[in-house]
Amino acid sequence: MTTSAEPVPGPEAEFDPTLLALTVEEAARRLSVGRTTMYALIRDGAVETVPIGRLRRVPVKAISAYLDANTQTRFRRIAA
């Protein structure tokens, strides 16, 4: 039996803040949704993508824009 002193990388270890465009799977992971849900968001036009050669990437800004557009705020009525 061999043991390794190196920690096993988890999902947090795979996060690279320098990336400008993500794969669909990476974008889904950032939103904490499944891959199928991410493809549905893309198909419905809720999240924009960019073609790069034969690949399709999700700009990090598109994820932020989606969250900004779909963030719900609860307003409180203040009695006058």
PDB file of N, CA and C in Angstrom:
ATOM      1  N   MET A   1       0.845  -1.174   0.000  1.00  0.00           N
ATOM      2  CA  MET A   1       0.000   0.000   0.000  1.00  0.00           C
ATOM      3  C   MET A   1       0.890   1.237   0.000  1.00  0.00           C
ATOM      4  N   THR A   2       0.607   2.145  -0.911  1.00  0.00           N
ATOM      5  CA  THR A   2       1.386   3.374  -0.971  1.00  0.00           C
ATOM      6  C   THR A   2       0.520   4.533  -0.519  1.00  0.00           C
ATOM      7  N   THR A   3       1.139   5.443   0.170  1.00  0.00           N
ATOM      8  CA  THR A   3       0.431   6.646   0.585  1.00  0.00           C
ATOM      9  C   THR A   3       1.124   7.842  -0.021  1.00  0.00           C
ATOM     10  N   SER A   4       0.360   8.836  -0.287  1.00  0.00           N
ATOM     11  CA  SER A   4       0.891  10.043  -0.895  1.00  0.00           C
ATOM     12  C   SER A   4       0.778  11.189   0.095  1.00  0.00           C
ATOM     13  N   ALA A   5       1.806  11.990   0.174  1.00  0.00           N
ATOM     14  CA  ALA A   5       1.784  13.148   1.060  1.00  0.00           C
ATOM     15  C   ALA A   5       1.009  14.304   0.439  1.00  0.00           C
ATOM     16  N   GLU A   6       0.768  14.240  -0.879  1.00  0.00           N
ATOM     17  CA  GLU A   6       0.046  15.309  -1.565  1.00  0.00           C
ATOM     18  C   GLU A   6      -1.448  15.167  -1.334  1.00  0.00           C
ATOM     19  N   PRO A   7      -2.138  16.268  -1.032  1.00  0.00           N
ATOM     20  CA  PRO A   7      -3.592  16.192  -0.855  1.00  0.00           C
ATOM     21  C   PRO A   7      -4.286  15.937  -2.186  1.00  0.00           C
ATOM     22  N   VAL A   8      -5.403  15.257  -2.102  1.00  0.00           N
ATOM     23  CA  VAL A   8      -6.193  14.997  -3.296  1.00  0.00           C
ATOM     24  C   VAL A   8      -6.949  16.270  -3.641  1.00  0.00           C
ATOM     25  N   PRO A   9      -6.808  16.766  -4.894  1.00  0.00           N
ATOM     26  CA  PRO A   9      -7.490  18.015  -5.243  1.00  0.00           C
ATOM     27  C   PRO A   9      -9.002  17.832  -5.256  1.00  0.00           C
ATOM     28  N   GLY A  10      -9.704  18.764  -4.637  1.00  0.00           N
ATOM     29  CA  GLY A  10     -11.162  18.769  -4.628  1.00  0.00           C
ATOM     30  C   GLY A  10     -11.682  19.794  -5.608  1.00  0.00           C
ATOM     31  N   PRO A  11     -12.983  20.000  -5.648  1.00  0.00           N
ATOM     32  CA  PRO A  11     -13.550  20.978  -6.579  1.00  0.00           C
ATOM     33  C   PRO A  11     -13.014  22.381  -6.369  1.00  0.00           C
ATOM     34  N   GLU A  12     -12.717  22.737  -5.110  1.00  0.00           N
ATOM     35  CA  GLU A  12     -12.199  24.079  -4.859  1.00  0.00           C
ATOM     36  C   GLU A  12     -10.804  24.252  -5.441  1.00  0.00           C
ATOM     37  N   ALA A  13     -10.034  23.178  -5.484  1.00  0.00           N
ATOM     38  CA  ALA A  13      -8.672  23.256  -5.993  1.00  0.00           C
ATOM     39  C   ALA A  13      -8.653  23.486  -7.503  1.00  0.00           C
ATOM     40  N   GLU A  14      -9.732  23.132  -8.181  1.00  0.00           N
ATOM     41  CA  GLU A  14      -9.796  23.274  -9.630  1.00  0.00           C
ATOM     42  C   GLU A  14     -10.180  24.686 -10.056  1.00  0.00           C
ATOM     43  N   PHE A  15     -10.595  25.522  -9.142  1.00  0.00           N
ATOM     44  CA  PHE A  15     -11.017  26.887  -9.441  1.00  0.00           C
ATOM     45  C   PHE A  15      -9.808  27.729  -9.814  1.00  0.00           C
ATOM     46  N   ASP A  16      -9.846  28.323 -10.995  1.00  0.00           N
ATOM     47  CA  ASP A  16      -8.764  29.174 -11.463  1.00  0.00           C
ATOM     48  C   ASP A  16      -9.334  30.563 -11.743  1.00  0.00           C
ATOM     49  N   PRO A  17      -9.075  31.525 -10.870  1.00  0.00           N
ATOM     50  CA  PRO A  17      -9.671  32.857 -11.040  1.00  0.00           C
ATOM     51  C   PRO A  17      -9.132  33.631 -12.238  1.00  0.00           C
ATOM     52  N   THR A  18      -8.082  33.141 -12.881  1.00  0.00           N
ATOM     53  CA  THR A  18      -7.522  33.855 -14.026  1.00  0.00           C
ATOM     54  C   THR A  18      -8.224  33.513 -15.336  1.00  0.00           C
ATOM     55  N   LEU A  19      -9.067  32.488 -15.347  1.00  0.00           N
ATOM     56  CA  LEU A  19      -9.762  32.104 -16.570  1.00  0.00           C
ATOM     57  C   LEU A  19     -10.801  33.147 -16.954  1.00  0.00           C
ATOM     58  N   LEU A  20     -10.870  33.469 -18.226  1.00  0.00           N
ATOM     59  CA  LEU A  20     -11.858  34.422 -18.737  1.00  0.00           C
ATOM     60  C   LEU A  20     -13.046  33.714 -19.368  1.00  0.00           C
ATOM     61  N   ALA A  21     -12.827  32.493 -19.853  1.00  0.00           N
ATOM     62  CA  ALA A  21     -13.891  31.710 -20.471  1.00  0.00           C
ATOM     63  C   ALA A  21     -13.803  30.281 -19.947  1.00  0.00           C
ATOM     64  N   LEU A  22     -14.961  29.700 -19.684  1.00  0.00           N
ATOM     65  CA  LEU A  22     -15.035  28.386 -19.063  1.00  0.00           C
ATOM     66  C   LEU A  22     -15.717  27.381 -19.976  1.00  0.00           C
ATOM     67  N   THR A  23     -15.443  26.106 -19.749  1.00  0.00           N
ATOM     68  CA  THR A  23     -16.217  25.078 -20.422  1.00  0.00           C
ATOM     69  C   THR A  23     -17.608  25.076 -19.804  1.00  0.00           C
ATOM     70  N   VAL A  24     -18.540  24.413 -20.440  1.00  0.00           N
ATOM     71  CA  VAL A  24     -19.896  24.341 -19.913  1.00  0.00           C
ATOM     72  C   VAL A  24     -19.887  23.661 -18.544  1.00  0.00           C
ATOM     73  N   GLU A  25     -19.081  22.631 -18.397  1.00  0.00           N
ATOM     74  CA  GLU A  25     -18.997  21.919 -17.123  1.00  0.00           C
ATOM     75  C   GLU A  25     -18.429  22.810 -16.023  1.00  0.00           C
ATOM     76  N   GLU A  26     -17.411  23.602 -16.348  1.00  0.00           N
ATOM     77  CA  GLU A  26     -16.839  24.522 -15.359  1.00  0.00           C
ATOM     78  C   GLU A  26     -17.847  25.603 -14.972  1.00  0.00           C
ATOM     79  N   ALA A  27     -18.572  26.108 -15.955  1.00  0.00           N
ATOM     80  CA  ALA A  27     -19.587  27.129 -15.680  1.00  0.00           C
ATOM     81  C   ALA A  27     -20.692  26.553 -14.798  1.00  0.00           C
ATOM     82  N   ALA A  28     -21.102  25.330 -15.074  1.00  0.00           N
ATOM     83  CA  ALA A  28     -22.128  24.675 -14.261  1.00  0.00           C
ATOM     84  C   ALA A  28     -21.647  24.515 -12.825  1.00  0.00           C
ATOM     85  N   ARG A  29     -20.399  24.136 -12.673  1.00  0.00           N
ATOM     86  CA  ARG A  29     -19.831  23.966 -11.332  1.00  0.00           C
ATOM     87  C   ARG A  29     -19.817  25.291 -10.587  1.00  0.00           C
ATOM     88  N   ARG A  30     -19.485  26.371 -11.278  1.00  0.00           N
ATOM     89  CA  ARG A  30     -19.458  27.692 -10.626  1.00  0.00           C
ATOM     90  C   ARG A  30     -20.848  28.136 -10.185  1.00  0.00           C
ATOM     91  N   LEU A  31     -21.882  27.756 -10.944  1.00  0.00           N
ATOM     92  CA  LEU A  31     -23.249  28.115 -10.580  1.00  0.00           C
ATOM     93  C   LEU A  31     -23.887  27.088  -9.647  1.00  0.00           C
ATOM     94  N   SER A  32     -23.178  26.006  -9.392  1.00  0.00           N
ATOM     95  CA  SER A  32     -23.701  24.909  -8.554  1.00  0.00           C
ATOM     96  C   SER A  32     -24.969  24.309  -9.141  1.00  0.00           C
ATOM     97  N   VAL A  33     -24.952  24.114 -10.450  1.00  0.00           N
ATOM     98  CA  VAL A  33     -26.053  23.442 -11.142  1.00  0.00           C
ATOM     99  C   VAL A  33     -25.468  22.281 -11.939  1.00  0.00           C
ATOM    100  N   GLY A  34     -26.339  21.430 -12.409  1.00  0.00           N
ATOM    101  CA  GLY A  34     -25.900  20.302 -13.219  1.00  0.00           C
ATOM    102  C   GLY A  34     -25.570  20.716 -14.641  1.00  0.00           C
ATOM    103  N   ARG A  35     -24.895  19.832 -15.335  1.00  0.00           N
ATOM    104  CA  ARG A  35     -24.507  20.090 -16.713  1.00  0.00           C
ATOM    105  C   ARG A  35     -25.732  20.263 -17.610  1.00  0.00           C
ATOM    106  N   THR A  36     -26.755  19.435 -17.406  1.00  0.00           N
ATOM    107  CA  THR A  36     -27.975  19.528 -18.211  1.00  0.00           C
ATOM    108  C   THR A  36     -28.664  20.869 -18.005  1.00  0.00           C
ATOM    109  N   THR A  37     -28.710  21.334 -16.766  1.00  0.00           N
ATOM    110  CA  THR A  37     -29.311  22.644 -16.474  1.00  0.00           C
ATOM    111  C   THR A  37     -28.516  23.756 -17.147  1.00  0.00           C
ATOM    112  N   MET A  38     -27.187  23.638 -17.130  1.00  0.00           N
ATOM    113  CA  MET A  38     -26.349  24.649 -17.762  1.00  0.00           C
ATOM    114  C   MET A  38     -26.598  24.700 -19.262  1.00  0.00           C
ATOM    115  N   TYR A  39     -26.689  23.526 -19.896  1.00  0.00           N
ATOM    116  CA  TYR A  39     -26.991  23.494 -21.331  1.00  0.00           C
ATOM    117  C   TYR A  39     -28.368  24.093 -21.619  1.00  0.00           C
ATOM    118  N   ALA A  40     -29.335  23.883 -20.728  1.00  0.00           N
ATOM    119  CA  ALA A  40     -30.671  24.470 -20.913  1.00  0.00           C
ATOM    120  C   ALA A  40     -30.602  25.991 -20.809  1.00  0.00           C
ATOM    121  N   LEU A  41     -29.835  26.520 -19.862  1.00  0.00           N
ATOM    122  CA  LEU A  41     -29.675  27.972 -19.728  1.00  0.00           C
ATOM    123  C   LEU A  41     -29.052  28.568 -20.993  1.00  0.00           C
ATOM    124  N   ILE A  42     -28.088  27.860 -21.554  1.00  0.00           N
ATOM    125  CA  ILE A  42     -27.424  28.314 -22.781  1.00  0.00           C
ATOM    126  C   ILE A  42     -28.410  28.251 -23.949  1.00  0.00           C
ATOM    127  N   ARG A  43     -29.122  27.123 -24.060  1.00  0.00           N
ATOM    128  CA  ARG A  43     -30.077  26.937 -25.163  1.00  0.00           C
ATOM    129  C   ARG A  43     -31.169  28.001 -25.134  1.00  0.00           C
ATOM    130  N   ASP A  44     -31.636  28.366 -23.935  1.00  0.00           N
ATOM    131  CA  ASP A  44     -32.704  29.360 -23.789  1.00  0.00           C
ATOM    132  C   ASP A  44     -32.203  30.791 -23.925  1.00  0.00           C
ATOM    133  N   GLY A  45     -30.891  30.977 -24.031  1.00  0.00           N
ATOM    134  CA  GLY A  45     -30.329  32.313 -24.187  1.00  0.00           C
ATOM    135  C   GLY A  45     -30.133  33.049 -22.875  1.00  0.00           C
ATOM    136  N   ALA A  46     -30.311  32.374 -21.753  1.00  0.00           N
ATOM    137  CA  ALA A  46     -30.144  33.014 -20.448  1.00  0.00           C
ATOM    138  C   ALA A  46     -28.675  33.267 -20.133  1.00  0.00           C
ATOM    139  N   VAL A  47     -27.812  32.405 -20.654  1.00  0.00           N
ATOM    140  CA  VAL A  47     -26.362  32.553 -20.467  1.00  0.00           C
ATOM    141  C   VAL A  47     -25.723  32.584 -21.848  1.00  0.00           C
ATOM    142  N   GLU A  48     -24.937  33.621 -22.096  1.00  0.00           N
ATOM    143  CA  GLU A  48     -24.284  33.765 -23.397  1.00  0.00           C
ATOM    144  C   GLU A  48     -23.032  32.895 -23.478  1.00  0.00           C
ATOM    145  N   THR A  49     -22.708  32.487 -24.697  1.00  0.00           N
ATOM    146  CA  THR A  49     -21.489  31.727 -24.940  1.00  0.00           C
ATOM    147  C   THR A  49     -20.709  32.364 -26.075  1.00  0.00           C
ATOM    148  N   VAL A  50     -19.467  31.935 -26.215  1.00  0.00           N
ATOM    149  CA  VAL A  50     -18.585  32.454 -27.255  1.00  0.00           C
ATOM    150  C   VAL A  50     -17.982  31.273 -28.013  1.00  0.00           C
ATOM    151  N   PRO A  51     -18.063  31.297 -29.354  1.00  0.00           N
ATOM    152  CA  PRO A  51     -17.384  30.232 -30.095  1.00  0.00           C
ATOM    153  C   PRO A  51     -15.893  30.539 -30.209  1.00  0.00           C
ATOM    154  N   ILE A  52     -15.098  29.556 -29.916  1.00  0.00           N
ATOM    155  CA  ILE A  52     -13.642  29.672 -30.073  1.00  0.00           C
ATOM    156  C   ILE A  52     -13.212  28.467 -30.899  1.00  0.00           C
ATOM    157  N   GLY A  53     -13.022  28.709 -32.186  1.00  0.00           N
ATOM    158  CA  GLY A  53     -12.757  27.585 -33.090  1.00  0.00           C
ATOM    159  C   GLY A  53     -13.980  26.688 -33.134  1.00  0.00           C
ATOM    160  N   ARG A  54     -13.774  25.401 -32.869  1.00  0.00           N
ATOM    161  CA  ARG A  54     -14.883  24.453 -32.835  1.00  0.00           C
ATOM    162  C   ARG A  54     -15.468  24.308 -31.433  1.00  0.00           C
ATOM    163  N   LEU A  55     -14.921  25.049 -30.481  1.00  0.00           N
ATOM    164  CA  LEU A  55     -15.345  24.949 -29.085  1.00  0.00           C
ATOM    165  C   LEU A  55     -16.360  26.025 -28.740  1.00  0.00           C
ATOM    166  N   ARG A  56     -17.100  25.804 -27.696  1.00  0.00           N
ATOM    167  CA  ARG A  56     -18.054  26.779 -27.177  1.00  0.00           C
ATOM    168  C   ARG A  56     -17.657  27.025 -25.728  1.00  0.00           C
ATOM    169  N   ARG A  57     -17.444  28.302 -25.383  1.00  0.00           N
ATOM    170  CA  ARG A  57     -17.033  28.657 -24.021  1.00  0.00           C
ATOM    171  C   ARG A  57     -18.012  29.654 -23.423  1.00  0.00           C
ATOM    172  N   VAL A  58     -18.083  29.635 -22.095  1.00  0.00           N
ATOM    173  CA  VAL A  58     -18.949  30.545 -21.345  1.00  0.00           C
ATOM    174  C   VAL A  58     -18.053  31.600 -20.701  1.00  0.00           C
ATOM    175  N   PRO A  59     -18.167  32.860 -21.112  1.00  0.00           N
ATOM    176  CA  PRO A  59     -17.370  33.899 -20.464  1.00  0.00           C
ATOM    177  C   PRO A  59     -17.759  34.039 -19.000  1.00  0.00           C
ATOM    178  N   VAL A  60     -16.783  34.292 -18.149  1.00  0.00           N
ATOM    179  CA  VAL A  60     -17.050  34.479 -16.729  1.00  0.00           C
ATOM    180  C   VAL A  60     -18.021  35.636 -16.536  1.00  0.00           C
ATOM    181  N   LYS A  61     -17.899  36.662 -17.375  1.00  0.00           N
ATOM    182  CA  LYS A  61     -18.811  37.813 -17.294  1.00  0.00           C
ATOM    183  C   LYS A  61     -20.256  37.409 -17.583  1.00  0.00           C
ATOM    184  N   ALA A  62     -20.460  36.383 -18.413  1.00  0.00           N
ATOM    185  CA  ALA A  62     -21.816  35.925 -18.721  1.00  0.00           C
ATOM    186  C   ALA A  62     -22.459  35.287 -17.496  1.00  0.00           C
ATOM    187  N   ILE A  63     -21.660  34.619 -16.679  1.00  0.00           N
ATOM    188  CA  ILE A  63     -22.186  34.028 -15.449  1.00  0.00           C
ATOM    189  C   ILE A  63     -22.581  35.141 -14.479  1.00  0.00           C
ATOM    190  N   SER A  64     -21.723  36.147 -14.353  1.00  0.00           N
ATOM    191  CA  SER A  64     -22.040  37.287 -13.484  1.00  0.00           C
ATOM    192  C   SER A  64     -23.283  38.014 -13.975  1.00  0.00           C
ATOM    193  N   ALA A  65     -23.400  38.198 -15.283  1.00  0.00           N
ATOM    194  CA  ALA A  65     -24.564  38.877 -15.853  1.00  0.00           C
ATOM    195  C   ALA A  65     -25.837  38.083 -15.585  1.00  0.00           C
ATOM    196  N   TYR A  66     -25.764  36.768 -15.711  1.00  0.00           N
ATOM    197  CA  TYR A  66     -26.921  35.923 -15.431  1.00  0.00           C
ATOM    198  C   TYR A  66     -27.349  36.066 -13.972  1.00  0.00           C
ATOM    199  N   LEU A  67     -26.380  36.031 -13.067  1.00  0.00           N
ATOM    200  CA  LEU A  67     -26.703  36.169 -11.646  1.00  0.00           C
ATOM    201  C   LEU A  67     -27.282  37.548 -11.339  1.00  0.00           C
ATOM    202  N   ASP A  68     -26.707  38.588 -11.936  1.00  0.00           N
ATOM    203  CA  ASP A  68     -27.217  39.946 -11.718  1.00  0.00           C
ATOM    204  C   ASP A  68     -28.654  40.089 -12.214  1.00  0.00           C
ATOM    205  N   ALA A  69     -28.932  39.517 -13.382  1.00  0.00           N
ATOM    206  CA  ALA A  69     -30.263  39.637 -13.975  1.00  0.00           C
ATOM    207  C   ALA A  69     -31.308  38.813 -13.226  1.00  0.00           C
ATOM    208  N   ASN A  70     -30.888  37.785 -12.531  1.00  0.00           N
ATOM    209  CA  ASN A  70     -31.839  36.885 -11.887  1.00  0.00           C
ATOM    210  C   ASN A  70     -31.800  36.925 -10.365  1.00  0.00           C
ATOM    211  N   THR A  71     -31.105  37.903  -9.820  1.00  0.00           N
ATOM    212  CA  THR A  71     -31.072  38.061  -8.367  1.00  0.00           C
ATOM    213  C   THR A  71     -32.360  38.723  -7.917  1.00  0.00           C
ATOM    214  N   GLN A  72     -32.992  38.105  -6.950  1.00  0.00           N
ATOM    215  CA  GLN A  72     -34.237  38.658  -6.430  1.00  0.00           C
ATOM    216  C   GLN A  72     -33.949  39.372  -5.117  1.00  0.00           C
ATOM    217  N   THR A  73     -34.503  40.544  -5.001  1.00  0.00           N
ATOM    218  CA  THR A  73     -34.330  41.347  -3.795  1.00  0.00           C
ATOM    219  C   THR A  73     -35.676  41.516  -3.133  1.00  0.00           C
ATOM    220  N   ARG A  74     -35.686  41.332  -1.858  1.00  0.00           N
ATOM    221  CA  ARG A  74     -36.933  41.529  -1.107  1.00  0.00           C
ATOM    222  C   ARG A  74     -36.943  42.962  -0.592  1.00  0.00           C
ATOM    223  N   PHE A  75     -37.986  43.685  -0.935  1.00  0.00           N
ATOM    224  CA  PHE A  75     -38.124  45.055  -0.478  1.00  0.00           C
ATOM    225  C   PHE A  75     -39.046  45.085   0.728  1.00  0.00           C
ATOM    226  N   ARG A  76     -38.661  45.850   1.705  1.00  0.00           N
ATOM    227  CA  ARG A  76     -39.506  46.034   2.887  1.00  0.00           C
ATOM    228  C   ARG A  76     -40.234  47.358   2.772  1.00  0.00           C
ATOM    229  N   ARG A  77     -41.478  47.333   3.147  1.00  0.00           N
ATOM    230  CA  ARG A  77     -42.237  48.591   3.189  1.00  0.00           C
ATOM    231  C   ARG A  77     -41.988  49.234   4.529  1.00  0.00           C
ATOM    232  N   ILE A  78     -41.619  50.474   4.477  1.00  0.00           N
ATOM    233  CA  ILE A  78     -41.381  51.234   5.714  1.00  0.00           C
ATOM    234  C   ILE A  78     -42.597  52.096   5.961  1.00  0.00           C
ATOM    235  N   ALA A  79     -43.165  51.946   7.133  1.00  0.00           N
ATOM    236  CA  ALA A  79     -44.361  52.730   7.489  1.00  0.00           C
ATOM    237  C   ALA A  79     -43.986  54.197   7.614  1.00  0.00           C
ATOM    238  N   ALA A  80     -44.765  55.036   6.999  1.00  0.00           N
ATOM    239  CA  ALA A  80     -44.474  56.475   7.029  1.00  0.00           C
ATOM    240  C   ALA A  80     -45.075  57.144   8.221  1.00  0.00           C
TER     241      ALA A  80
END
